[in-house]
Amino acid sequence: MTVGGSARALFLFPTKALSQEQSNSMASLVEALGEDWHAFTYDGDTPPSVRRSLRDRGHMILTNPWMLHAGILPNHSKWAELFRDLRYIVIDEVHTLSGVFGSSVANVLRRLLRIAAHYGSHPTFIGCSATLANAVEHGTALFGRKPVVIDEDASPSGARLFSIYNPPMLNPVAGLRANALEVIGAEHEDGIPPEGKSLAE
C-alpha cells in the first residue's frame, strides 16, 4: 500500500457484521502505522454523505459481496478512482464461499476484474482462511486463477527446546514406570518448573 501512495484495496467479508467488526481493528492498525490512509465500511447502513467521501478518499473499502454486486459494480463510474488504483482484493473467511453462494461470488469477482481492467488496474487477490483444506482448488475456482498458497505460520515465537524423558522402571516384569511429572516435580522443591519452562506428559 505504501508503494506509490495511491494504491487502494477492497476488503470483502461474508457478512456485514464481520466487516463492521474488522473496521475497528483496521482503524487501530492504520493509526499505529502512522499512515495517512482512510478505511471505510460500505454497507446498507452507510449514510449517503459518507458514501461520497469514501469513494473519493477511501484507501481501504470494507464491504460484502452483496454490496459489491448491487452497490459498487453497477455504479462503477462513481467509483472510478477506486478502480483505477485498485491493487488488492482481500477476501476474508474465503472457505465460506462455496456451493451456490460461492459460485455467485465467483461471477461477481469476474465482473469486478473486467471493470478494474476497463480502468487500467489488474489487482491481486488475497484470500484468508484458517480452515481451508483444498486451497489451490478452491482459490482457482473462486478467483479464476491459480493461487500461491502460504500455509506456514510466520508469527514470532521464542526459542523452544523439546526434551524426551524416560522415567525409571518400577516393575520391569509389568512394564510399570514412574510418573514422569512426579519425578520431575520432585526435583523442584515447589513442584513448579523453572521460569519459562513447561511440563507435559
N, C-alpha and C. Protein backbone atom coordinates (compact mmCIF):
# COMPACT_ATOMS: atom_id res chain seq x y z
N MET A 1 0.82 -1.21 0.00
CA MET A 1 0.00 0.00 0.00
C MET A 1 0.86 1.26 0.00
N THR A 2 2.06 1.16 0.56
CA THR A 2 2.89 2.36 0.65
C THR A 2 3.57 2.69 -0.67
N VAL A 3 3.72 1.68 -1.55
CA VAL A 3 4.40 1.92 -2.82
C VAL A 3 3.51 2.79 -3.71
N GLY A 4 4.01 3.93 -4.10
CA GLY A 4 3.25 4.80 -4.98
C GLY A 4 2.28 5.71 -4.24
N GLY A 5 1.84 5.31 -3.06
CA GLY A 5 0.98 6.16 -2.26
C GLY A 5 -0.49 6.17 -2.63
N SER A 6 -0.85 5.79 -3.87
CA SER A 6 -2.24 5.89 -4.30
C SER A 6 -2.94 4.55 -4.37
N ALA A 7 -2.26 3.48 -4.02
CA ALA A 7 -2.86 2.15 -4.11
C ALA A 7 -4.06 2.03 -3.19
N ARG A 8 -5.05 1.28 -3.66
CA ARG A 8 -6.27 1.06 -2.88
C ARG A 8 -6.55 -0.43 -2.77
N ALA A 9 -7.33 -0.76 -1.75
CA ALA A 9 -7.65 -2.17 -1.51
C ALA A 9 -9.13 -2.31 -1.19
N LEU A 10 -9.70 -3.40 -1.66
CA LEU A 10 -11.10 -3.72 -1.40
C LEU A 10 -11.13 -4.97 -0.53
N PHE A 11 -11.74 -4.87 0.64
CA PHE A 11 -11.84 -5.99 1.57
C PHE A 11 -13.26 -6.52 1.55
N LEU A 12 -13.40 -7.81 1.27
CA LEU A 12 -14.72 -8.44 1.24
C LEU A 12 -14.88 -9.39 2.41
N PHE A 13 -15.96 -9.22 3.15
CA PHE A 13 -16.28 -10.09 4.27
C PHE A 13 -17.62 -10.76 4.00
N PRO A 14 -17.81 -11.99 4.46
CA PRO A 14 -19.06 -12.71 4.14
C PRO A 14 -20.31 -12.07 4.74
N THR A 15 -20.15 -11.33 5.82
CA THR A 15 -21.31 -10.70 6.46
C THR A 15 -21.02 -9.24 6.79
N LYS A 16 -22.09 -8.47 6.90
CA LYS A 16 -21.95 -7.05 7.26
C LYS A 16 -21.39 -6.91 8.67
N ALA A 17 -21.83 -7.77 9.57
CA ALA A 17 -21.37 -7.70 10.96
C ALA A 17 -19.86 -7.87 11.05
N LEU A 18 -19.32 -8.80 10.27
CA LEU A 18 -17.88 -9.06 10.30
C LEU A 18 -17.10 -7.87 9.75
N SER A 19 -17.62 -7.25 8.71
CA SER A 19 -16.92 -6.09 8.15
C SER A 19 -16.91 -4.93 9.14
N GLN A 20 -18.01 -4.77 9.89
CA GLN A 20 -18.05 -3.72 10.91
C GLN A 20 -17.05 -4.00 12.02
N GLU A 21 -16.97 -5.26 12.40
CA GLU A 21 -16.03 -5.66 13.46
C GLU A 21 -14.59 -5.40 13.05
N GLN A 22 -14.26 -5.78 11.81
CA GLN A 22 -12.90 -5.62 11.32
C GLN A 22 -12.54 -4.16 11.05
N SER A 23 -13.55 -3.35 10.83
CA SER A 23 -13.31 -1.93 10.57
C SER A 23 -12.62 -1.27 11.76
N ASN A 24 -13.05 -1.63 12.96
CA ASN A 24 -12.43 -1.06 14.16
C ASN A 24 -10.97 -1.48 14.29
N SER A 25 -10.70 -2.76 14.00
CA SER A 25 -9.32 -3.25 14.05
C SER A 25 -8.46 -2.56 13.00
N MET A 26 -9.04 -2.35 11.81
CA MET A 26 -8.31 -1.71 10.73
C MET A 26 -7.95 -0.27 11.10
N ALA A 27 -8.89 0.42 11.72
CA ALA A 27 -8.63 1.81 12.12
C ALA A 27 -7.50 1.89 13.13
N SER A 28 -7.47 0.95 14.06
CA SER A 28 -6.40 0.92 15.07
C SER A 28 -5.06 0.64 14.42
N LEU A 29 -5.05 -0.27 13.45
CA LEU A 29 -3.81 -0.62 12.75
C LEU A 29 -3.27 0.57 11.97
N VAL A 30 -4.14 1.24 11.24
CA VAL A 30 -3.72 2.40 10.45
C VAL A 30 -3.16 3.49 11.35
N GLU A 31 -3.81 3.69 12.49
CA GLU A 31 -3.34 4.71 13.44
C GLU A 31 -1.97 4.34 13.99
N ALA A 32 -1.77 3.05 14.30
CA ALA A 32 -0.49 2.60 14.84
C ALA A 32 0.63 2.74 13.81
N LEU A 33 0.31 2.54 12.53
CA LEU A 33 1.31 2.65 11.48
C LEU A 33 1.66 4.10 11.17
N GLY A 34 0.77 5.00 11.54
CA GLY A 34 1.03 6.41 11.29
C GLY A 34 0.88 6.81 9.83
N GLU A 35 0.16 5.99 9.05
CA GLU A 35 -0.02 6.29 7.63
C GLU A 35 -1.26 7.16 7.42
N ASP A 36 -1.24 7.93 6.37
CA ASP A 36 -2.39 8.77 6.04
C ASP A 36 -3.34 7.99 5.14
N TRP A 37 -3.83 6.89 5.66
CA TRP A 37 -4.77 6.04 4.93
C TRP A 37 -6.15 6.22 5.53
N HIS A 38 -7.15 6.02 4.71
CA HIS A 38 -8.53 6.12 5.17
C HIS A 38 -9.25 4.80 4.90
N ALA A 39 -9.77 4.20 5.96
CA ALA A 39 -10.51 2.94 5.85
C ALA A 39 -11.98 3.22 6.13
N PHE A 40 -12.84 2.74 5.24
CA PHE A 40 -14.28 2.97 5.38
C PHE A 40 -15.04 1.66 5.22
N THR A 41 -16.15 1.55 5.93
CA THR A 41 -17.07 0.43 5.75
C THR A 41 -18.19 0.89 4.83
N TYR A 42 -18.46 0.08 3.81
CA TYR A 42 -19.53 0.40 2.87
C TYR A 42 -20.56 -0.72 2.92
N ASP A 43 -21.72 -0.42 3.51
CA ASP A 43 -22.81 -1.39 3.55
C ASP A 43 -24.14 -0.64 3.53
N GLY A 44 -25.22 -1.35 3.77
CA GLY A 44 -26.54 -0.73 3.68
C GLY A 44 -26.77 0.36 4.71
N ASP A 45 -25.98 0.38 5.77
CA ASP A 45 -26.14 1.38 6.82
C ASP A 45 -25.28 2.62 6.61
N THR A 46 -24.47 2.62 5.56
CA THR A 46 -23.58 3.77 5.31
C THR A 46 -24.39 4.96 4.79
N PRO A 47 -24.38 6.10 5.48
CA PRO A 47 -25.16 7.27 5.04
C PRO A 47 -24.68 7.78 3.68
N PRO A 48 -25.58 8.35 2.87
CA PRO A 48 -25.20 8.89 1.56
C PRO A 48 -24.05 9.89 1.62
N SER A 49 -24.02 10.71 2.67
CA SER A 49 -22.96 11.71 2.80
C SER A 49 -21.59 11.07 2.95
N VAL A 50 -21.55 9.93 3.63
CA VAL A 50 -20.28 9.22 3.85
C VAL A 50 -19.88 8.46 2.59
N ARG A 51 -20.86 7.99 1.83
CA ARG A 51 -20.56 7.21 0.62
C ARG A 51 -19.74 8.02 -0.37
N ARG A 52 -20.08 9.27 -0.54
CA ARG A 52 -19.31 10.10 -1.48
C ARG A 52 -17.88 10.28 -0.99
N SER A 53 -17.72 10.47 0.31
CA SER A 53 -16.39 10.67 0.88
C SER A 53 -15.53 9.42 0.72
N LEU A 54 -16.11 8.25 0.98
CA LEU A 54 -15.31 7.04 0.88
C LEU A 54 -14.96 6.70 -0.56
N ARG A 55 -15.83 7.08 -1.50
CA ARG A 55 -15.50 6.85 -2.92
C ARG A 55 -14.29 7.68 -3.33
N ASP A 56 -14.21 8.90 -2.81
CA ASP A 56 -13.14 9.81 -3.20
C ASP A 56 -11.86 9.63 -2.38
N ARG A 57 -12.01 9.27 -1.09
CA ARG A 57 -10.86 9.28 -0.19
C ARG A 57 -10.49 7.92 0.38
N GLY A 58 -11.30 6.92 0.17
CA GLY A 58 -11.05 5.63 0.80
C GLY A 58 -9.90 4.85 0.19
N HIS A 59 -8.89 4.59 0.99
CA HIS A 59 -7.79 3.73 0.54
C HIS A 59 -8.16 2.26 0.73
N MET A 60 -8.95 2.00 1.76
CA MET A 60 -9.40 0.64 2.07
C MET A 60 -10.91 0.65 2.25
N ILE A 61 -11.60 -0.08 1.40
CA ILE A 61 -13.05 -0.16 1.47
C ILE A 61 -13.43 -1.55 1.98
N LEU A 62 -14.15 -1.58 3.10
CA LEU A 62 -14.58 -2.85 3.70
C LEU A 62 -16.06 -3.05 3.39
N THR A 63 -16.38 -4.13 2.71
CA THR A 63 -17.76 -4.36 2.31
C THR A 63 -18.04 -5.86 2.24
N ASN A 64 -19.15 -6.23 1.62
CA ASN A 64 -19.51 -7.64 1.49
C ASN A 64 -19.89 -7.91 0.03
N PRO A 65 -19.97 -9.18 -0.36
CA PRO A 65 -20.24 -9.49 -1.78
C PRO A 65 -21.53 -8.87 -2.31
N TRP A 66 -22.57 -8.81 -1.46
CA TRP A 66 -23.83 -8.25 -1.93
C TRP A 66 -23.70 -6.77 -2.28
N MET A 67 -23.05 -6.00 -1.44
CA MET A 67 -22.89 -4.57 -1.72
C MET A 67 -21.98 -4.35 -2.92
N LEU A 68 -21.01 -5.22 -3.10
CA LEU A 68 -20.16 -5.14 -4.29
C LEU A 68 -21.01 -5.35 -5.53
N HIS A 69 -21.87 -6.36 -5.48
CA HIS A 69 -22.72 -6.72 -6.62
C HIS A 69 -23.78 -5.66 -6.90
N ALA A 70 -24.45 -5.19 -5.84
CA ALA A 70 -25.61 -4.31 -6.02
C ALA A 70 -25.30 -2.83 -5.92
N GLY A 71 -24.23 -2.48 -5.20
CA GLY A 71 -23.96 -1.07 -4.97
C GLY A 71 -22.77 -0.49 -5.70
N ILE A 72 -21.70 -1.29 -5.83
CA ILE A 72 -20.46 -0.76 -6.40
C ILE A 72 -20.35 -1.01 -7.90
N LEU A 73 -20.48 -2.25 -8.32
CA LEU A 73 -20.26 -2.58 -9.73
C LEU A 73 -21.26 -1.90 -10.67
N PRO A 74 -22.56 -1.84 -10.35
CA PRO A 74 -23.48 -1.16 -11.27
C PRO A 74 -23.20 0.35 -11.38
N ASN A 75 -22.54 0.90 -10.39
CA ASN A 75 -22.24 2.34 -10.36
C ASN A 75 -20.74 2.58 -10.47
N HIS A 76 -20.08 1.78 -11.27
CA HIS A 76 -18.61 1.82 -11.30
C HIS A 76 -18.06 3.18 -11.71
N SER A 77 -18.81 3.94 -12.50
CA SER A 77 -18.29 5.25 -12.90
C SER A 77 -18.12 6.19 -11.71
N LYS A 78 -18.96 5.99 -10.67
CA LYS A 78 -18.82 6.79 -9.45
C LYS A 78 -17.63 6.33 -8.62
N TRP A 79 -17.20 5.10 -8.86
CA TRP A 79 -16.08 4.52 -8.12
C TRP A 79 -14.81 4.47 -8.97
N ALA A 80 -14.72 5.35 -9.96
CA ALA A 80 -13.62 5.31 -10.93
C ALA A 80 -12.25 5.39 -10.25
N GLU A 81 -12.12 6.23 -9.24
CA GLU A 81 -10.81 6.37 -8.57
C GLU A 81 -10.40 5.08 -7.89
N LEU A 82 -11.36 4.41 -7.27
CA LEU A 82 -11.06 3.13 -6.63
C LEU A 82 -10.58 2.12 -7.67
N PHE A 83 -11.30 2.01 -8.77
CA PHE A 83 -10.95 1.01 -9.78
C PHE A 83 -9.63 1.34 -10.48
N ARG A 84 -9.34 2.62 -10.67
CA ARG A 84 -8.07 2.99 -11.32
C ARG A 84 -6.86 2.59 -10.47
N ASP A 85 -7.01 2.71 -9.15
CA ASP A 85 -5.87 2.46 -8.25
C ASP A 85 -6.01 1.15 -7.48
N LEU A 86 -6.96 0.30 -7.86
CA LEU A 86 -7.21 -0.93 -7.12
C LEU A 86 -6.04 -1.90 -7.27
N ARG A 87 -5.36 -2.18 -6.16
CA ARG A 87 -4.21 -3.07 -6.20
C ARG A 87 -4.49 -4.42 -5.54
N TYR A 88 -5.31 -4.43 -4.50
CA TYR A 88 -5.58 -5.68 -3.78
C TYR A 88 -7.07 -5.89 -3.56
N ILE A 89 -7.49 -7.13 -3.70
CA ILE A 89 -8.84 -7.56 -3.33
C ILE A 89 -8.66 -8.63 -2.27
N VAL A 90 -8.98 -8.28 -1.04
CA VAL A 90 -8.76 -9.18 0.10
C VAL A 90 -10.10 -9.80 0.50
N ILE A 91 -10.15 -11.13 0.51
CA ILE A 91 -11.39 -11.82 0.85
C ILE A 91 -11.18 -12.63 2.12
N ASP A 92 -11.89 -12.25 3.16
CA ASP A 92 -11.76 -12.94 4.45
C ASP A 92 -12.72 -14.12 4.51
N GLU A 93 -12.36 -15.11 5.33
CA GLU A 93 -13.19 -16.31 5.52
C GLU A 93 -13.55 -16.92 4.17
N VAL A 94 -12.54 -17.07 3.33
CA VAL A 94 -12.78 -17.50 1.95
C VAL A 94 -13.39 -18.90 1.86
N HIS A 95 -13.24 -19.69 2.92
CA HIS A 95 -13.82 -21.04 2.92
C HIS A 95 -15.34 -21.01 2.95
N THR A 96 -15.94 -19.87 3.35
CA THR A 96 -17.40 -19.78 3.37
C THR A 96 -17.98 -19.60 1.97
N LEU A 97 -17.14 -19.27 1.01
CA LEU A 97 -17.60 -19.04 -0.35
C LEU A 97 -17.57 -20.34 -1.14
N SER A 98 -18.55 -21.18 -0.89
CA SER A 98 -18.64 -22.48 -1.56
C SER A 98 -20.08 -22.72 -1.98
N GLY A 99 -20.29 -23.77 -2.75
CA GLY A 99 -21.64 -24.10 -3.20
C GLY A 99 -22.23 -23.01 -4.08
N VAL A 100 -23.55 -22.84 -3.99
CA VAL A 100 -24.25 -21.85 -4.81
C VAL A 100 -23.77 -20.44 -4.47
N PHE A 101 -23.60 -20.16 -3.18
CA PHE A 101 -23.13 -18.84 -2.77
C PHE A 101 -21.74 -18.57 -3.34
N GLY A 102 -20.86 -19.55 -3.26
CA GLY A 102 -19.51 -19.39 -3.79
C GLY A 102 -19.51 -19.16 -5.29
N SER A 103 -20.38 -19.87 -6.01
CA SER A 103 -20.47 -19.70 -7.47
C SER A 103 -20.94 -18.29 -7.81
N SER A 104 -21.90 -17.79 -7.04
CA SER A 104 -22.41 -16.44 -7.28
C SER A 104 -21.32 -15.40 -7.05
N VAL A 105 -20.57 -15.57 -5.95
CA VAL A 105 -19.50 -14.63 -5.64
C VAL A 105 -18.40 -14.71 -6.70
N ALA A 106 -18.10 -15.91 -7.19
CA ALA A 106 -17.08 -16.07 -8.23
C ALA A 106 -17.44 -15.27 -9.47
N ASN A 107 -18.72 -15.27 -9.84
CA ASN A 107 -19.16 -14.49 -11.00
C ASN A 107 -19.08 -12.99 -10.73
N VAL A 108 -19.39 -12.58 -9.50
CA VAL A 108 -19.26 -11.17 -9.13
C VAL A 108 -17.80 -10.73 -9.22
N LEU A 109 -16.89 -11.61 -8.78
CA LEU A 109 -15.46 -11.28 -8.84
C LEU A 109 -14.97 -11.16 -10.28
N ARG A 110 -15.52 -11.95 -11.18
CA ARG A 110 -15.14 -11.85 -12.58
C ARG A 110 -15.63 -10.52 -13.18
N ARG A 111 -16.81 -10.10 -12.78
CA ARG A 111 -17.29 -8.78 -13.19
C ARG A 111 -16.37 -7.69 -12.65
N LEU A 112 -15.97 -7.87 -11.40
CA LEU A 112 -15.08 -6.89 -10.76
C LEU A 112 -13.77 -6.77 -11.53
N LEU A 113 -13.21 -7.89 -11.94
CA LEU A 113 -11.94 -7.87 -12.68
C LEU A 113 -12.09 -7.19 -14.04
N ARG A 114 -13.22 -7.44 -14.71
CA ARG A 114 -13.44 -6.80 -16.01
C ARG A 114 -13.54 -5.28 -15.87
N ILE A 115 -14.24 -4.84 -14.84
CA ILE A 115 -14.37 -3.40 -14.62
C ILE A 115 -13.03 -2.78 -14.22
N ALA A 116 -12.28 -3.48 -13.37
CA ALA A 116 -10.96 -2.97 -12.98
C ALA A 116 -10.06 -2.84 -14.21
N ALA A 117 -10.10 -3.84 -15.09
CA ALA A 117 -9.28 -3.80 -16.31
C ALA A 117 -9.71 -2.63 -17.20
N HIS A 118 -11.00 -2.35 -17.22
CA HIS A 118 -11.51 -1.21 -18.00
C HIS A 118 -10.88 0.10 -17.54
N TYR A 119 -10.60 0.19 -16.24
CA TYR A 119 -10.00 1.40 -15.69
C TYR A 119 -8.47 1.30 -15.61
N GLY A 120 -7.92 0.20 -16.11
CA GLY A 120 -6.47 0.08 -16.20
C GLY A 120 -5.76 -0.56 -15.03
N SER A 121 -6.49 -1.20 -14.13
CA SER A 121 -5.83 -1.86 -12.99
C SER A 121 -6.00 -3.37 -13.08
N HIS A 122 -5.05 -4.07 -12.50
CA HIS A 122 -5.06 -5.53 -12.50
C HIS A 122 -4.73 -6.00 -11.08
N PRO A 123 -5.73 -5.98 -10.21
CA PRO A 123 -5.49 -6.25 -8.79
C PRO A 123 -5.12 -7.69 -8.48
N THR A 124 -4.47 -7.85 -7.35
CA THR A 124 -4.09 -9.17 -6.83
C THR A 124 -5.11 -9.61 -5.80
N PHE A 125 -5.52 -10.88 -5.90
CA PHE A 125 -6.43 -11.44 -4.91
C PHE A 125 -5.63 -11.94 -3.70
N ILE A 126 -6.17 -11.72 -2.52
CA ILE A 126 -5.62 -12.29 -1.29
C ILE A 126 -6.78 -12.94 -0.55
N GLY A 127 -6.74 -14.27 -0.44
CA GLY A 127 -7.79 -15.00 0.26
C GLY A 127 -7.30 -15.43 1.63
N CYS A 128 -8.14 -15.27 2.64
CA CYS A 128 -7.75 -15.61 4.02
C CYS A 128 -8.68 -16.68 4.58
N SER A 129 -8.08 -17.71 5.15
CA SER A 129 -8.85 -18.77 5.80
C SER A 129 -7.94 -19.58 6.70
N ALA A 130 -8.47 -19.98 7.84
CA ALA A 130 -7.71 -20.82 8.76
C ALA A 130 -8.16 -22.27 8.69
N THR A 131 -9.20 -22.54 7.89
CA THR A 131 -9.78 -23.89 7.89
C THR A 131 -9.97 -24.46 6.49
N LEU A 132 -9.29 -23.91 5.50
CA LEU A 132 -9.47 -24.36 4.12
C LEU A 132 -8.50 -25.48 3.80
N ALA A 133 -9.04 -26.65 3.46
CA ALA A 133 -8.20 -27.82 3.21
C ALA A 133 -7.63 -27.84 1.80
N ASN A 134 -8.44 -27.48 0.81
CA ASN A 134 -8.03 -27.55 -0.60
C ASN A 134 -7.87 -26.15 -1.18
N ALA A 135 -6.89 -25.43 -0.70
CA ALA A 135 -6.74 -24.01 -1.03
C ALA A 135 -6.53 -23.77 -2.53
N VAL A 136 -5.72 -24.59 -3.19
CA VAL A 136 -5.43 -24.38 -4.61
C VAL A 136 -6.68 -24.58 -5.44
N GLU A 137 -7.37 -25.68 -5.22
CA GLU A 137 -8.59 -25.96 -5.98
C GLU A 137 -9.66 -24.90 -5.72
N HIS A 138 -9.85 -24.57 -4.46
CA HIS A 138 -10.88 -23.59 -4.09
C HIS A 138 -10.55 -22.21 -4.66
N GLY A 139 -9.30 -21.80 -4.50
CA GLY A 139 -8.90 -20.49 -4.99
C GLY A 139 -8.99 -20.37 -6.50
N THR A 140 -8.62 -21.44 -7.21
CA THR A 140 -8.69 -21.43 -8.67
C THR A 140 -10.13 -21.27 -9.14
N ALA A 141 -11.04 -21.99 -8.50
CA ALA A 141 -12.45 -21.91 -8.88
C ALA A 141 -13.03 -20.53 -8.56
N LEU A 142 -12.63 -19.98 -7.44
CA LEU A 142 -13.20 -18.70 -7.00
C LEU A 142 -12.61 -17.51 -7.74
N PHE A 143 -11.29 -17.48 -7.89
CA PHE A 143 -10.62 -16.33 -8.48
C PHE A 143 -10.41 -16.43 -9.99
N GLY A 144 -10.52 -17.66 -10.52
CA GLY A 144 -10.27 -17.84 -11.94
C GLY A 144 -8.80 -17.85 -12.28
N ARG A 145 -7.96 -18.01 -11.29
CA ARG A 145 -6.51 -18.08 -11.47
C ARG A 145 -5.93 -18.92 -10.34
N LYS A 146 -4.82 -19.59 -10.61
CA LYS A 146 -4.23 -20.47 -9.61
C LYS A 146 -3.52 -19.66 -8.54
N PRO A 147 -3.87 -19.87 -7.28
CA PRO A 147 -3.26 -19.08 -6.21
C PRO A 147 -1.92 -19.65 -5.74
N VAL A 148 -1.15 -18.81 -5.10
CA VAL A 148 0.06 -19.24 -4.39
C VAL A 148 -0.34 -19.42 -2.94
N VAL A 149 -0.18 -20.63 -2.42
CA VAL A 149 -0.63 -20.93 -1.07
C VAL A 149 0.47 -20.60 -0.06
N ILE A 150 0.13 -19.82 0.94
CA ILE A 150 1.03 -19.50 2.05
C ILE A 150 0.44 -20.17 3.28
N ASP A 151 1.03 -21.27 3.68
CA ASP A 151 0.45 -22.05 4.79
C ASP A 151 1.41 -22.25 5.95
N GLU A 152 2.47 -21.45 5.99
CA GLU A 152 3.40 -21.54 7.11
C GLU A 152 3.10 -20.44 8.12
N ASP A 153 3.20 -20.78 9.39
CA ASP A 153 2.98 -19.81 10.46
C ASP A 153 4.23 -18.96 10.62
N ALA A 154 4.12 -17.70 10.24
CA ALA A 154 5.28 -16.81 10.32
C ALA A 154 5.22 -15.89 11.53
N SER A 155 4.28 -16.15 12.43
CA SER A 155 4.17 -15.30 13.61
C SER A 155 5.38 -15.51 14.52
N PRO A 156 5.83 -14.46 15.20
CA PRO A 156 7.03 -14.58 16.04
C PRO A 156 6.79 -15.48 17.25
N SER A 157 7.81 -16.21 17.61
CA SER A 157 7.74 -17.06 18.81
C SER A 157 9.15 -17.24 19.36
N GLY A 158 9.23 -17.50 20.64
CA GLY A 158 10.53 -17.70 21.27
C GLY A 158 11.12 -19.06 20.92
N ALA A 159 12.40 -19.22 21.25
CA ALA A 159 13.07 -20.50 21.00
C ALA A 159 12.46 -21.58 21.88
N ARG A 160 12.38 -22.79 21.35
CA ARG A 160 11.79 -23.90 22.09
C ARG A 160 12.77 -25.06 22.15
N LEU A 161 12.81 -25.71 23.28
CA LEU A 161 13.64 -26.90 23.47
C LEU A 161 12.73 -28.06 23.84
N PHE A 162 12.78 -29.12 23.05
CA PHE A 162 11.96 -30.30 23.32
C PHE A 162 12.84 -31.38 23.93
N SER A 163 12.41 -31.92 25.04
CA SER A 163 13.14 -32.99 25.71
C SER A 163 12.25 -34.21 25.85
N ILE A 164 12.83 -35.37 25.68
CA ILE A 164 12.11 -36.62 25.88
C ILE A 164 12.69 -37.29 27.12
N TYR A 165 11.85 -37.52 28.10
CA TYR A 165 12.30 -38.09 29.37
C TYR A 165 11.72 -39.49 29.53
N ASN A 166 12.58 -40.43 29.79
CA ASN A 166 12.17 -41.82 30.02
C ASN A 166 12.28 -42.10 31.52
N PRO A 167 11.15 -42.08 32.25
CA PRO A 167 11.21 -42.26 33.71
C PRO A 167 11.71 -43.65 34.09
N PRO A 168 12.25 -43.76 35.29
CA PRO A 168 12.83 -45.05 35.73
C PRO A 168 11.76 -46.15 35.82
N MET A 169 12.23 -47.37 35.57
CA MET A 169 11.36 -48.54 35.61
C MET A 169 11.11 -48.93 37.07
N LEU A 170 9.84 -49.10 37.43
CA LEU A 170 9.48 -49.54 38.78
C LEU A 170 9.28 -51.05 38.83
N ASN A 171 8.70 -51.59 37.78
CA ASN A 171 8.44 -53.03 37.72
C ASN A 171 8.69 -53.50 36.30
N PRO A 172 9.92 -54.03 36.04
CA PRO A 172 10.26 -54.46 34.68
C PRO A 172 9.34 -55.55 34.14
N VAL A 173 8.87 -56.42 34.99
CA VAL A 173 8.01 -57.51 34.54
C VAL A 173 6.68 -56.97 34.03
N ALA A 174 6.12 -56.02 34.79
CA ALA A 174 4.83 -55.44 34.40
C ALA A 174 4.99 -54.26 33.44
N GLY A 175 6.25 -53.84 33.22
CA GLY A 175 6.49 -52.69 32.36
C GLY A 175 6.02 -51.39 32.97
N LEU A 176 6.00 -51.31 34.28
CA LEU A 176 5.49 -50.15 35.00
C LEU A 176 6.62 -49.16 35.28
N ARG A 177 6.41 -47.92 34.86
CA ARG A 177 7.41 -46.87 35.08
C ARG A 177 6.86 -45.81 36.03
N ALA A 178 7.77 -45.04 36.59
CA ALA A 178 7.38 -43.95 37.49
C ALA A 178 6.66 -42.87 36.69
N ASN A 179 5.82 -42.11 37.39
CA ASN A 179 5.11 -41.00 36.77
C ASN A 179 6.12 -39.89 36.47
N ALA A 180 6.26 -39.54 35.19
CA ALA A 180 7.28 -38.57 34.78
C ALA A 180 7.11 -37.22 35.47
N LEU A 181 5.87 -36.75 35.58
CA LEU A 181 5.64 -35.45 36.20
C LEU A 181 5.99 -35.45 37.67
N GLU A 182 5.71 -36.56 38.34
CA GLU A 182 6.05 -36.65 39.76
C GLU A 182 7.56 -36.66 39.96
N VAL A 183 8.27 -37.38 39.09
CA VAL A 183 9.73 -37.46 39.20
C VAL A 183 10.35 -36.09 38.96
N ILE A 184 9.92 -35.42 37.89
CA ILE A 184 10.47 -34.11 37.58
C ILE A 184 10.09 -33.09 38.64
N GLY A 185 8.82 -33.16 39.09
CA GLY A 185 8.36 -32.24 40.12
C GLY A 185 9.13 -32.39 41.41
N ALA A 186 9.54 -33.63 41.72
CA ALA A 186 10.28 -33.88 42.95
C ALA A 186 11.65 -33.21 42.92
N GLU A 187 12.16 -32.97 41.70
CA GLU A 187 13.46 -32.33 41.57
C GLU A 187 13.40 -30.84 41.88
N HIS A 188 12.19 -30.30 41.90
CA HIS A 188 11.99 -28.89 42.23
C HIS A 188 11.17 -28.86 43.50
N GLU A 189 11.67 -28.20 44.51
CA GLU A 189 11.05 -28.23 45.84
C GLU A 189 9.57 -27.84 45.82
N ASP A 190 9.23 -26.86 45.00
CA ASP A 190 7.85 -26.41 44.99
C ASP A 190 7.02 -27.13 43.93
N GLY A 191 7.65 -28.04 43.20
CA GLY A 191 6.91 -28.77 42.18
C GLY A 191 6.61 -27.96 40.94
N ILE A 192 7.17 -26.74 40.87
CA ILE A 192 6.92 -25.87 39.73
C ILE A 192 8.20 -25.80 38.90
N PRO A 193 8.11 -26.00 37.59
CA PRO A 193 9.31 -25.95 36.75
C PRO A 193 9.89 -24.55 36.71
N PRO A 194 11.16 -24.42 36.33
CA PRO A 194 11.80 -23.11 36.25
C PRO A 194 11.02 -22.16 35.34
N GLU A 195 11.25 -20.86 35.54
CA GLU A 195 10.55 -19.85 34.74
C GLU A 195 10.78 -20.09 33.25
N GLY A 196 9.70 -19.99 32.48
CA GLY A 196 9.81 -20.17 31.04
C GLY A 196 9.76 -21.61 30.61
N LYS A 197 9.64 -22.53 31.55
CA LYS A 197 9.58 -23.95 31.20
C LYS A 197 8.16 -24.45 31.40
N SER A 198 7.84 -25.54 30.76
CA SER A 198 6.54 -26.16 30.96
C SER A 198 6.72 -27.67 30.95
N LEU A 199 5.80 -28.33 31.63
CA LEU A 199 5.85 -29.78 31.71
C LEU A 199 4.65 -30.36 31.00
N ALA A 200 4.85 -31.45 30.29
CA ALA A 200 3.74 -32.13 29.62
C ALA A 200 4.00 -33.61 29.67
N GLU A 201 2.94 -34.38 29.78
CA GLU A 201 3.09 -35.83 29.81
C GLU A 201 2.32 -36.42 28.65
